Amino acid sequence: MTPDSMTPVCAVEAIPLEGGVAALVGGAAVAVFRTYDGSVFAIGNVDPFSGASVLSRGIVGNRGDAPVVSSPMYKQAFDLRTGQCLDDDSVRVPAYAVSVVDGVVHVGGVT
């Protein structure tokens, strides 16, 4: 995906380290995260267990080698690279393509 086919969301510095922000991308609620090492990821913002649009407010960390966010609702962890729930193999949220161009985070389609 090229930055031209992606939606600019915010300055990368607007996302706190080990934190997230919510954005509307192509009509979808997306959670965009920046990990402790400065990597940026985007997954669906809707917690599939509660139905609430809250994943952007979750706790960012690691489980093993996987960067994760733990839902603020029921604490399930989601791999930020894939959207896979690490606590229930049958559950996944969408993961989105992300690029940072000139300090601006761009989010594309589902990967």
PDB file of N, CA and C in Angstrom:
ATOM      1  N   MET A   1       0.828  -1.172   0.000  1.00  0.00           N
ATOM      2  CA  MET A   1       0.000   0.000   0.000  1.00  0.00           C
ATOM      3  C   MET A   1       0.878   1.242   0.000  1.00  0.00           C
ATOM      4  N   THR A   2       0.525   2.193  -0.821  1.00  0.00           N
ATOM      5  CA  THR A   2       1.273   3.447  -0.854  1.00  0.00           C
ATOM      6  C   THR A   2       0.594   4.455   0.060  1.00  0.00           C
ATOM      7  N   PRO A   3       1.344   5.421   0.558  1.00  0.00           N
ATOM      8  CA  PRO A   3       0.727   6.434   1.427  1.00  0.00           C
ATOM      9  C   PRO A   3      -0.448   7.146   0.752  1.00  0.00           C
ATOM     10  N   ASP A   4      -0.438   7.245  -0.588  1.00  0.00           N
ATOM     11  CA  ASP A   4      -1.542   7.903  -1.293  1.00  0.00           C
ATOM     12  C   ASP A   4      -2.855   7.156  -1.129  1.00  0.00           C
ATOM     13  N   SER A   5      -2.794   5.842  -0.910  1.00  0.00           N
ATOM     14  CA  SER A   5      -4.022   5.053  -0.756  1.00  0.00           C
ATOM     15  C   SER A   5      -4.383   4.845   0.712  1.00  0.00           C
ATOM     16  N   MET A   6      -3.680   5.560   1.584  1.00  0.00           N
ATOM     17  CA  MET A   6      -3.899   5.419   3.017  1.00  0.00           C
ATOM     18  C   MET A   6      -4.458   6.730   3.579  1.00  0.00           C
ATOM     19  N   THR A   7      -5.083   6.632   4.752  1.00  0.00           N
ATOM     20  CA  THR A   7      -5.672   7.797   5.401  1.00  0.00           C
ATOM     21  C   THR A   7      -4.716   8.372   6.436  1.00  0.00           C
ATOM     22  N   PRO A   8      -4.358   9.674   6.322  1.00  0.00           N
ATOM     23  CA  PRO A   8      -3.548  10.275   7.379  1.00  0.00           C
ATOM     24  C   PRO A   8      -4.384  10.390   8.647  1.00  0.00           C
ATOM     25  N   VAL A   9      -3.808   9.992   9.778  1.00  0.00           N
ATOM     26  CA  VAL A   9      -4.561   9.945  11.038  1.00  0.00           C
ATOM     27  C   VAL A   9      -4.108  11.036  12.002  1.00  0.00           C
ATOM     28  N   CYS A  10      -2.813  11.085  12.294  1.00  0.00           N
ATOM     29  CA  CYS A  10      -2.301  12.070  13.245  1.00  0.00           C
ATOM     30  C   CYS A  10      -0.784  12.070  13.174  1.00  0.00           C
ATOM     31  N   ALA A  11      -0.186  13.049  13.833  1.00  0.00           N
ATOM     32  CA  ALA A  11       1.266  13.041  13.980  1.00  0.00           C
ATOM     33  C   ALA A  11       1.659  11.879  14.873  1.00  0.00           C
ATOM     34  N   VAL A  12       2.756  11.221  14.558  1.00  0.00           N
ATOM     35  CA  VAL A  12       3.188  10.089  15.371  1.00  0.00           C
ATOM     36  C   VAL A  12       3.430  10.532  16.810  1.00  0.00           C
ATOM     37  N   GLU A  13       3.880  11.747  17.009  1.00  0.00           N
ATOM     38  CA  GLU A  13       4.139  12.252  18.361  1.00  0.00           C
ATOM     39  C   GLU A  13       2.858  12.468  19.164  1.00  0.00           C
ATOM     40  N   ALA A  14       1.700  12.490  18.485  1.00  0.00           N
ATOM     41  CA  ALA A  14       0.417  12.646  19.193  1.00  0.00           C
ATOM     42  C   ALA A  14      -0.007  11.354  19.888  1.00  0.00           C
ATOM     43  N   ILE A  15       0.657  10.251  19.544  1.00  0.00           N
ATOM     44  CA  ILE A  15       0.343   8.962  20.175  1.00  0.00           C
ATOM     45  C   ILE A  15       1.364   8.747  21.294  1.00  0.00           C
ATOM     46  N   PRO A  16       0.906   8.659  22.533  1.00  0.00           N
ATOM     47  CA  PRO A  16       1.879   8.475  23.617  1.00  0.00           C
ATOM     48  C   PRO A  16       2.600   7.133  23.498  1.00  0.00           C
ATOM     49  N   LEU A  17       3.870   7.110  23.909  1.00  0.00           N
ATOM     50  CA  LEU A  17       4.579   5.832  23.957  1.00  0.00           C
ATOM     51  C   LEU A  17       3.791   4.885  24.854  1.00  0.00           C
ATOM     52  N   GLU A  18       3.649   3.639  24.407  1.00  0.00           N
ATOM     53  CA  GLU A  18       2.868   2.615  25.107  1.00  0.00           C
ATOM     54  C   GLU A  18       1.425   3.069  25.306  1.00  0.00           C
ATOM     55  N   GLY A  19       0.893   3.757  24.293  1.00  0.00           N
ATOM     56  CA  GLY A  19      -0.487   4.221  24.354  1.00  0.00           C
ATOM     57  C   GLY A  19      -1.140   4.137  22.990  1.00  0.00           C
ATOM     58  N   GLY A  20      -2.395   4.551  22.958  1.00  0.00           N
ATOM     59  CA  GLY A  20      -3.140   4.490  21.714  1.00  0.00           C
ATOM     60  C   GLY A  20      -4.081   5.659  21.544  1.00  0.00           C
ATOM     61  N   VAL A  21      -4.546   5.824  20.309  1.00  0.00           N
ATOM     62  CA  VAL A  21      -5.565   6.806  19.968  1.00  0.00           C
ATOM     63  C   VAL A  21      -6.589   6.122  19.077  1.00  0.00           C
ATOM     64  N   ALA A  22      -7.793   6.660  19.063  1.00  0.00           N
ATOM     65  CA  ALA A  22      -8.847   6.136  18.201  1.00  0.00           C
ATOM     66  C   ALA A  22      -8.983   7.037  16.981  1.00  0.00           C
ATOM     67  N   ALA A  23      -9.327   6.424  15.842  1.00  0.00           N
ATOM     68  CA  ALA A  23      -9.529   7.173  14.606  1.00  0.00           C
ATOM     69  C   ALA A  23     -10.619   6.493  13.796  1.00  0.00           C
ATOM     70  N   LEU A  24     -11.239   7.272  12.930  1.00  0.00           N
ATOM     71  CA  LEU A  24     -12.221   6.734  11.993  1.00  0.00           C
ATOM     72  C   LEU A  24     -11.541   6.672  10.641  1.00  0.00           C
ATOM     73  N   VAL A  25     -11.389   5.458  10.107  1.00  0.00           N
ATOM     74  CA  VAL A  25     -10.696   5.253   8.836  1.00  0.00           C
ATOM     75  C   VAL A  25     -11.633   4.500   7.900  1.00  0.00           C
ATOM     76  N   GLY A  26     -12.071   5.159   6.869  1.00  0.00           N
ATOM     77  CA  GLY A  26     -12.975   4.515   5.923  1.00  0.00           C
ATOM     78  C   GLY A  26     -14.243   4.021   6.584  1.00  0.00           C
ATOM     79  N   GLY A  27     -14.721   4.719   7.583  1.00  0.00           N
ATOM     80  CA  GLY A  27     -15.938   4.339   8.293  1.00  0.00           C
ATOM     81  C   GLY A  27     -15.744   3.316   9.385  1.00  0.00           C
ATOM     82  N   ALA A  28     -14.510   2.852   9.585  1.00  0.00           N
ATOM     83  CA  ALA A  28     -14.224   1.847  10.623  1.00  0.00           C
ATOM     84  C   ALA A  28     -13.533   2.489  11.817  1.00  0.00           C
ATOM     85  N   ALA A  29     -13.905   2.051  13.024  1.00  0.00           N
ATOM     86  CA  ALA A  29     -13.239   2.502  14.250  1.00  0.00           C
ATOM     87  C   ALA A  29     -11.918   1.755  14.374  1.00  0.00           C
ATOM     88  N   VAL A  30     -10.829   2.511  14.368  1.00  0.00           N
ATOM     89  CA  VAL A  30      -9.484   1.932  14.383  1.00  0.00           C
ATOM     90  C   VAL A  30      -8.730   2.455  15.603  1.00  0.00           C
ATOM     91  N   ALA A  31      -7.977   1.579  16.250  1.00  0.00           N
ATOM     92  CA  ALA A  31      -7.102   1.946  17.362  1.00  0.00           C
ATOM     93  C   ALA A  31      -5.673   1.946  16.842  1.00  0.00           C
ATOM     94  N   VAL A  32      -4.966   3.048  17.028  1.00  0.00           N
ATOM     95  CA  VAL A  32      -3.589   3.187  16.556  1.00  0.00           C
ATOM     96  C   VAL A  32      -2.690   3.295  17.783  1.00  0.00           C
ATOM     97  N   PHE A  33      -1.656   2.468  17.821  1.00  0.00           N
ATOM     98  CA  PHE A  33      -0.788   2.364  18.998  1.00  0.00           C
ATOM     99  C   PHE A  33       0.661   2.656  18.644  1.00  0.00           C
ATOM    100  N   ARG A  34       1.400   3.163  19.646  1.00  0.00           N
ATOM    101  CA  ARG A  34       2.851   3.322  19.534  1.00  0.00           C
ATOM    102  C   ARG A  34       3.469   2.583  20.704  1.00  0.00           C
ATOM    103  N   THR A  35       4.338   1.627  20.404  1.00  0.00           N
ATOM    104  CA  THR A  35       4.959   0.817  21.442  1.00  0.00           C
ATOM    105  C   THR A  35       6.191   1.524  22.004  1.00  0.00           C
ATOM    106  N   TYR A  36       6.754   0.956  23.066  1.00  0.00           N
ATOM    107  CA  TYR A  36       7.891   1.547  23.759  1.00  0.00           C
ATOM    108  C   TYR A  36       9.072   1.815  22.835  1.00  0.00           C
ATOM    109  N   ASP A  37       9.206   1.002  21.751  1.00  0.00           N
ATOM    110  CA  ASP A  37      10.332   1.187  20.831  1.00  0.00           C
ATOM    111  C   ASP A  37       9.992   2.116  19.670  1.00  0.00           C
ATOM    112  N   GLY A  38       8.792   2.716  19.698  1.00  0.00           N
ATOM    113  CA  GLY A  38       8.393   3.660  18.661  1.00  0.00           C
ATOM    114  C   GLY A  38       7.671   3.043  17.484  1.00  0.00           C
ATOM    115  N   SER A  39       7.484   1.720  17.475  1.00  0.00           N
ATOM    116  CA  SER A  39       6.737   1.075  16.388  1.00  0.00           C
ATOM    117  C   SER A  39       5.265   1.482  16.458  1.00  0.00           C
ATOM    118  N   VAL A  40       4.624   1.562  15.295  1.00  0.00           N
ATOM    119  CA  VAL A  40       3.227   1.972  15.221  1.00  0.00           C
ATOM    120  C   VAL A  40       2.404   0.839  14.610  1.00  0.00           C
ATOM    121  N   PHE A  41       1.253   0.548  15.231  1.00  0.00           N
ATOM    122  CA  PHE A  41       0.353  -0.517  14.789  1.00  0.00           C
ATOM    123  C   PHE A  41      -1.079   0.004  14.787  1.00  0.00           C
ATOM    124  N   ALA A  42      -1.929  -0.646  13.997  1.00  0.00           N
ATOM    125  CA  ALA A  42      -3.349  -0.285  13.994  1.00  0.00           C
ATOM    126  C   ALA A  42      -4.188  -1.562  13.929  1.00  0.00           C
ATOM    127  N   ILE A  43      -5.178  -1.638  14.828  1.00  0.00           N
ATOM    128  CA  ILE A  43      -6.131  -2.751  14.852  1.00  0.00           C
ATOM    129  C   ILE A  43      -7.532  -2.164  15.031  1.00  0.00           C
ATOM    130  N   GLY A  44      -8.536  -2.999  14.860  1.00  0.00           N
ATOM    131  CA  GLY A  44      -9.897  -2.547  15.111  1.00  0.00           C
ATOM    132  C   GLY A  44     -10.048  -2.078  16.548  1.00  0.00           C
ATOM    133  N   ASN A  45     -10.860  -1.063  16.765  1.00  0.00           N
ATOM    134  CA  ASN A  45     -11.011  -0.489  18.107  1.00  0.00           C
ATOM    135  C   ASN A  45     -12.102  -1.172  18.922  1.00  0.00           C
ATOM    136  N   VAL A  46     -12.947  -1.978  18.293  1.00  0.00           N
ATOM    137  CA  VAL A  46     -14.073  -2.595  18.994  1.00  0.00           C
ATOM    138  C   VAL A  46     -13.626  -3.877  19.690  1.00  0.00           C
ATOM    139  N   ASP A  47     -13.814  -3.923  20.999  1.00  0.00           N
ATOM    140  CA  ASP A  47     -13.530  -5.117  21.792  1.00  0.00           C
ATOM    141  C   ASP A  47     -14.602  -6.154  21.453  1.00  0.00           C
ATOM    142  N   PRO A  48     -14.221  -7.282  20.858  1.00  0.00           N
ATOM    143  CA  PRO A  48     -15.230  -8.268  20.447  1.00  0.00           C
ATOM    144  C   PRO A  48     -15.941  -8.958  21.612  1.00  0.00           C
ATOM    145  N   PHE A  49     -15.388  -8.870  22.798  1.00  0.00           N
ATOM    146  CA  PHE A  49     -16.011  -9.519  23.947  1.00  0.00           C
ATOM    147  C   PHE A  49     -17.089  -8.650  24.586  1.00  0.00           C
ATOM    148  N   SER A  50     -16.915  -7.337  24.543  1.00  0.00           N
ATOM    149  CA  SER A  50     -17.906  -6.440  25.150  1.00  0.00           C
ATOM    150  C   SER A  50     -18.723  -5.666  24.121  1.00  0.00           C
ATOM    151  N   GLY A  51     -18.191  -5.552  22.897  1.00  0.00           N
ATOM    152  CA  GLY A  51     -18.847  -4.759  21.870  1.00  0.00           C
ATOM    153  C   GLY A  51     -18.572  -3.272  21.993  1.00  0.00           C
ATOM    154  N   ALA A  52     -17.785  -2.873  22.976  1.00  0.00           N
ATOM    155  CA  ALA A  52     -17.468  -1.459  23.192  1.00  0.00           C
ATOM    156  C   ALA A  52     -16.249  -1.052  22.358  1.00  0.00           C
ATOM    157  N   SER A  53     -16.257   0.169  21.898  1.00  0.00           N
ATOM    158  CA  SER A  53     -15.152   0.707  21.099  1.00  0.00           C
ATOM    159  C   SER A  53     -14.103   1.299  22.042  1.00  0.00           C
ATOM    160  N   VAL A  54     -13.267   0.408  22.627  1.00  0.00           N
ATOM    161  CA  VAL A  54     -12.379   0.824  23.718  1.00  0.00           C
ATOM    162  C   VAL A  54     -10.936   0.333  23.618  1.00  0.00           C
ATOM    163  N   LEU A  55     -10.584  -0.440  22.617  1.00  0.00           N
ATOM    164  CA  LEU A  55      -9.234  -1.014  22.609  1.00  0.00           C
ATOM    165  C   LEU A  55      -8.146   0.051  22.600  1.00  0.00           C
ATOM    166  N   SER A  56      -8.422   1.225  22.024  1.00  0.00           N
ATOM    167  CA  SER A  56      -7.414   2.291  22.004  1.00  0.00           C
ATOM    168  C   SER A  56      -7.056   2.763  23.408  1.00  0.00           C
ATOM    169  N   ARG A  57      -7.894   2.459  24.394  1.00  0.00           N
ATOM    170  CA  ARG A  57      -7.626   2.858  25.777  1.00  0.00           C
ATOM    171  C   ARG A  57      -7.047   1.716  26.605  1.00  0.00           C
ATOM    172  N   GLY A  58      -6.659   0.622  25.935  1.00  0.00           N
ATOM    173  CA  GLY A  58      -6.109  -0.525  26.640  1.00  0.00           C
ATOM    174  C   GLY A  58      -4.672  -0.319  27.074  1.00  0.00           C
ATOM    175  N   ILE A  59      -4.156  -1.316  27.784  1.00  0.00           N
ATOM    176  CA  ILE A  59      -2.786  -1.288  28.292  1.00  0.00           C
ATOM    177  C   ILE A  59      -1.867  -1.931  27.264  1.00  0.00           C
ATOM    178  N   VAL A  60      -0.869  -1.181  26.809  1.00  0.00           N
ATOM    179  CA  VAL A  60       0.070  -1.659  25.792  1.00  0.00           C
ATOM    180  C   VAL A  60       1.268  -2.275  26.496  1.00  0.00           C
ATOM    181  N   GLY A  61       1.688  -3.423  25.992  1.00  0.00           N
ATOM    182  CA  GLY A  61       2.852  -4.099  26.546  1.00  0.00           C
ATOM    183  C   GLY A  61       3.292  -5.220  25.634  1.00  0.00           C
ATOM    184  N   ASN A  62       3.895  -6.251  26.210  1.00  0.00           N
ATOM    185  CA  ASN A  62       4.352  -7.418  25.450  1.00  0.00           C
ATOM    186  C   ASN A  62       3.883  -8.675  26.146  1.00  0.00           C
ATOM    187  N   ARG A  63       3.630  -9.681  25.338  1.00  0.00           N
ATOM    188  CA  ARG A  63       3.438 -11.032  25.851  1.00  0.00           C
ATOM    189  C   ARG A  63       4.412 -11.881  25.060  1.00  0.00           C
ATOM    190  N   GLY A  64       5.482 -12.290  25.712  1.00  0.00           N
ATOM    191  CA  GLY A  64       6.560 -12.948  24.985  1.00  0.00           C
ATOM    192  C   GLY A  64       7.158 -11.942  24.019  1.00  0.00           C
ATOM    193  N   ASP A  65       7.267 -12.336  22.747  1.00  0.00           N
ATOM    194  CA  ASP A  65       7.805 -11.440  21.720  1.00  0.00           C
ATOM    195  C   ASP A  65       6.729 -10.592  21.059  1.00  0.00           C
ATOM    196  N   ALA A  66       5.487 -10.799  21.410  1.00  0.00           N
ATOM    197  CA  ALA A  66       4.379 -10.123  20.735  1.00  0.00           C
ATOM    198  C   ALA A  66       4.028  -8.798  21.407  1.00  0.00           C
ATOM    199  N   PRO A  67       3.978  -7.700  20.622  1.00  0.00           N
ATOM    200  CA  PRO A  67       3.437  -6.459  21.175  1.00  0.00           C
ATOM    201  C   PRO A  67       1.925  -6.623  21.291  1.00  0.00           C
ATOM    202  N   VAL A  68       1.361  -6.245  22.429  1.00  0.00           N
ATOM    203  CA  VAL A  68      -0.072  -6.484  22.667  1.00  0.00           C
ATOM    204  C   VAL A  68      -0.737  -5.273  23.289  1.00  0.00           C
ATOM    205  N   VAL A  69      -2.059  -5.266  23.170  1.00  0.00           N
ATOM    206  CA  VAL A  69      -2.891  -4.366  23.959  1.00  0.00           C
ATOM    207  C   VAL A  69      -3.859  -5.243  24.729  1.00  0.00           C
ATOM    208  N   SER A  70      -4.036  -4.947  26.000  1.00  0.00           N
ATOM    209  CA  SER A  70      -5.015  -5.656  26.829  1.00  0.00           C
ATOM    210  C   SER A  70      -6.251  -4.782  26.922  1.00  0.00           C
ATOM    211  N   SER A  71      -7.386  -5.365  26.600  1.00  0.00           N
ATOM    212  CA  SER A  71      -8.637  -4.616  26.613  1.00  0.00           C
ATOM    213  C   SER A  71      -8.914  -4.054  28.004  1.00  0.00           C
ATOM    214  N   PRO A  72      -9.390  -2.813  28.071  1.00  0.00           N
ATOM    215  CA  PRO A  72      -9.731  -2.266  29.381  1.00  0.00           C
ATOM    216  C   PRO A  72     -11.014  -2.871  29.953  1.00  0.00           C
ATOM    217  N   MET A  73     -11.741  -3.633  29.155  1.00  0.00           N
ATOM    218  CA  MET A  73     -12.995  -4.221  29.633  1.00  0.00           C
ATOM    219  C   MET A  73     -12.750  -5.512  30.410  1.00  0.00           C
ATOM    220  N   TYR A  74     -12.337  -6.571  29.675  1.00  0.00           N
ATOM    221  CA  TYR A  74     -12.184  -7.879  30.314  1.00  0.00           C
ATOM    222  C   TYR A  74     -10.751  -8.388  30.280  1.00  0.00           C
ATOM    223  N   LYS A  75      -9.831  -7.549  29.828  1.00  0.00           N
ATOM    224  CA  LYS A  75      -8.379  -7.780  29.900  1.00  0.00           C
ATOM    225  C   LYS A  75      -7.822  -8.788  28.907  1.00  0.00           C
ATOM    226  N   GLN A  76      -8.584  -9.215  27.884  1.00  0.00           N
ATOM    227  CA  GLN A  76      -8.003 -10.093  26.872  1.00  0.00           C
ATOM    228  C   GLN A  76      -6.922  -9.329  26.115  1.00  0.00           C
ATOM    229  N   ALA A  77      -5.848 -10.036  25.766  1.00  0.00           N
ATOM    230  CA  ALA A  77      -4.725  -9.431  25.050  1.00  0.00           C
ATOM    231  C   ALA A  77      -4.852  -9.701  23.557  1.00  0.00           C
ATOM    232  N   PHE A  78      -4.566  -8.658  22.754  1.00  0.00           N
ATOM    233  CA  PHE A  78      -4.619  -8.756  21.295  1.00  0.00           C
ATOM    234  C   PHE A  78      -3.247  -8.416  20.739  1.00  0.00           C
ATOM    235  N   ASP A  79      -2.751  -9.284  19.849  1.00  0.00           N
ATOM    236  CA  ASP A  79      -1.465  -9.072  19.187  1.00  0.00           C
ATOM    237  C   ASP A  79      -1.615  -7.864  18.262  1.00  0.00           C
ATOM    238  N   LEU A  80      -0.799  -6.843  18.451  1.00  0.00           N
ATOM    239  CA  LEU A  80      -0.904  -5.631  17.648  1.00  0.00           C
ATOM    240  C   LEU A  80      -0.482  -5.848  16.201  1.00  0.00           C
ATOM    241  N   ARG A  81       0.273  -6.902  15.928  1.00  0.00           N
ATOM    242  CA  ARG A  81       0.718  -7.168  14.557  1.00  0.00           C
ATOM    243  C   ARG A  81      -0.371  -7.822  13.729  1.00  0.00           C
ATOM    244  N   THR A  82      -1.216  -8.641  14.367  1.00  0.00           N
ATOM    245  CA  THR A  82      -2.173  -9.465  13.616  1.00  0.00           C
ATOM    246  C   THR A  82      -3.623  -9.269  14.037  1.00  0.00           C
ATOM    247  N   GLY A  83      -3.865  -8.722  15.226  1.00  0.00           N
ATOM    248  CA  GLY A  83      -5.219  -8.610  15.758  1.00  0.00           C
ATOM    249  C   GLY A  83      -5.707  -9.869  16.454  1.00  0.00           C
ATOM    250  N   GLN A  84      -4.899 -10.917  16.479  1.00  0.00           N
ATOM    251  CA  GLN A  84      -5.289 -12.182  17.097  1.00  0.00           C
ATOM    252  C   GLN A  84      -5.398 -12.033  18.612  1.00  0.00           C
ATOM    253  N   CYS A  85      -6.490 -12.533  19.174  1.00  0.00           N
ATOM    254  CA  CYS A  85      -6.637 -12.563  20.630  1.00  0.00           C
ATOM    255  C   CYS A  85      -5.753 -13.684  21.155  1.00  0.00           C
ATOM    256  N   LEU A  86      -4.879 -13.367  22.089  1.00  0.00           N
ATOM    257  CA  LEU A  86      -3.964 -14.370  22.628  1.00  0.00           C
ATOM    258  C   LEU A  86      -4.600 -15.199  23.737  1.00  0.00           C
ATOM    259  N   ASP A  87      -5.813 -14.836  24.135  1.00  0.00           N
ATOM    260  CA  ASP A  87      -6.513 -15.571  25.182  1.00  0.00           C
ATOM    261  C   ASP A  87      -7.642 -16.439  24.643  1.00  0.00           C
ATOM    262  N   ASP A  88      -7.934 -16.337  23.345  1.00  0.00           N
ATOM    263  CA  ASP A  88      -9.002 -17.119  22.714  1.00  0.00           C
ATOM    264  C   ASP A  88      -8.684 -17.217  21.227  1.00  0.00           C
ATOM    265  N   ASP A  89      -8.180 -18.383  20.801  1.00  0.00           N
ATOM    266  CA  ASP A  89      -7.735 -18.581  19.416  1.00  0.00           C
ATOM    267  C   ASP A  89      -8.825 -18.344  18.383  1.00  0.00           C
ATOM    268  N   SER A  90     -10.079 -18.361  18.794  1.00  0.00           N
ATOM    269  CA  SER A  90     -11.171 -18.206  17.828  1.00  0.00           C
ATOM    270  C   SER A  90     -11.547 -16.740  17.599  1.00  0.00           C
ATOM    271  N   VAL A  91     -10.870 -15.810  18.277  1.00  0.00           N
ATOM    272  CA  VAL A  91     -11.244 -14.399  18.195  1.00  0.00           C
ATOM    273  C   VAL A  91     -10.093 -13.577  17.631  1.00  0.00           C
ATOM    274  N   ARG A  92     -10.451 -12.657  16.739  1.00  0.00           N
ATOM    275  CA  ARG A  92      -9.467 -11.771  16.116  1.00  0.00           C
ATOM    276  C   ARG A  92     -10.159 -10.458  15.790  1.00  0.00           C
ATOM    277  N   VAL A  93      -9.435  -9.360  15.893  1.00  0.00           N
ATOM    278  CA  VAL A  93      -9.916  -8.069  15.406  1.00  0.00           C
ATOM    279  C   VAL A  93      -9.111  -7.745  14.152  1.00  0.00           C
ATOM    280  N   PRO A  94      -9.635  -6.885  13.282  1.00  0.00           N
ATOM    281  CA  PRO A  94      -8.884  -6.556  12.067  1.00  0.00           C
ATOM    282  C   PRO A  94      -7.566  -5.860  12.394  1.00  0.00           C
ATOM    283  N   ALA A  95      -6.542  -6.165  11.621  1.00  0.00           N
ATOM    284  CA  ALA A  95      -5.263  -5.462  11.697  1.00  0.00           C
ATOM    285  C   ALA A  95      -5.128  -4.654  10.408  1.00  0.00           C
ATOM    286  N   TYR A  96      -4.621  -3.441  10.518  1.00  0.00           N
ATOM    287  CA  TYR A  96      -4.546  -2.522   9.384  1.00  0.00           C
ATOM    288  C   TYR A  96      -3.102  -2.214   9.022  1.00  0.00           C
ATOM    289  N   ALA A  97      -2.886  -1.939   7.732  1.00  0.00           N
ATOM    290  CA  ALA A  97      -1.572  -1.488   7.272  1.00  0.00           C
ATOM    291  C   ALA A  97      -1.312  -0.099   7.835  1.00  0.00           C
ATOM    292  N   VAL A  98      -0.062   0.144   8.237  1.00  0.00           N
ATOM    293  CA  VAL A  98       0.318   1.425   8.817  1.00  0.00           C
ATOM    294  C   VAL A  98       1.645   1.860   8.215  1.00  0.00           C
ATOM    295  N   SER A  99       1.767   3.156   7.957  1.00  0.00           N
ATOM    296  CA  SER A  99       3.065   3.721   7.600  1.00  0.00           C
ATOM    297  C   SER A  99       3.179   5.093   8.252  1.00  0.00           C
ATOM    298  N   VAL A 100       4.412   5.490   8.476  1.00  0.00           N
ATOM    299  CA  VAL A 100       4.680   6.821   9.008  1.00  0.00           C
ATOM    300  C   VAL A 100       5.491   7.555   7.949  1.00  0.00           C
ATOM    301  N   VAL A 101       4.927   8.661   7.462  1.00  0.00           N
ATOM    302  CA  VAL A 101       5.569   9.449   6.418  1.00  0.00           C
ATOM    303  C   VAL A 101       5.696  10.882   6.915  1.00  0.00           C
ATOM    304  N   ASP A 102       6.922  11.364   6.970  1.00  0.00           N
ATOM    305  CA  ASP A 102       7.192  12.731   7.431  1.00  0.00           C
ATOM    306  C   ASP A 102       6.539  13.010   8.780  1.00  0.00           C
ATOM    307  N   GLY A 103       6.580  12.021   9.682  1.00  0.00           N
ATOM    308  CA  GLY A 103       6.062  12.188  11.026  1.00  0.00           C
ATOM    309  C   GLY A 103       4.555  12.055  11.166  1.00  0.00           C
ATOM    310  N   VAL A 104       3.866  11.685  10.081  1.00  0.00           N
ATOM    311  CA  VAL A 104       2.417  11.524  10.110  1.00  0.00           C
ATOM    312  C   VAL A 104       2.067  10.043   9.937  1.00  0.00           C
ATOM    313  N   VAL A 105       1.194   9.539  10.805  1.00  0.00           N
ATOM    314  CA  VAL A 105       0.741   8.148  10.732  1.00  0.00           C
ATOM    315  C   VAL A 105      -0.359   8.037   9.683  1.00  0.00           C
ATOM    316  N   HIS A 106      -0.200   7.077   8.778  1.00  0.00           N
ATOM    317  CA  HIS A 106      -1.187   6.787   7.741  1.00  0.00           C
ATOM    318  C   HIS A 106      -1.685   5.369   7.954  1.00  0.00           C
ATOM    319  N   VAL A 107      -3.005   5.170   7.890  1.00  0.00           N
ATOM    320  CA  VAL A 107      -3.598   3.849   8.069  1.00  0.00           C
ATOM    321  C   VAL A 107      -4.297   3.454   6.787  1.00  0.00           C
ATOM    322  N   GLY A 108      -4.052   2.211   6.359  1.00  0.00           N
ATOM    323  CA  GLY A 108      -4.644   1.693   5.139  1.00  0.00           C
ATOM    324  C   GLY A 108      -5.655   0.615   5.425  1.00  0.00           C
ATOM    325  N   GLY A 109      -5.799  -0.285   4.482  1.00  0.00           N
ATOM    326  CA  GLY A 109      -6.794  -1.336   4.588  1.00  0.00           C
ATOM    327  C   GLY A 109      -6.365  -2.463   5.499  1.00  0.00           C
ATOM    328  N   VAL A 110      -7.312  -3.380   5.704  1.00  0.00           N
ATOM    329  CA  VAL A 110      -7.083  -4.559   6.540  1.00  0.00           C
ATOM    330  C   VAL A 110      -6.004  -5.418   5.886  1.00  0.00           C
ATOM    331  N   THR A 111      -5.074  -5.895   6.730  1.00  0.00           N
ATOM    332  CA  THR A 111      -3.990  -6.747   6.209  1.00  0.00           C
ATOM    333  C   THR A 111      -4.373  -8.204   6.268  1.00  0.00           C
TER     334      THR A 111
END
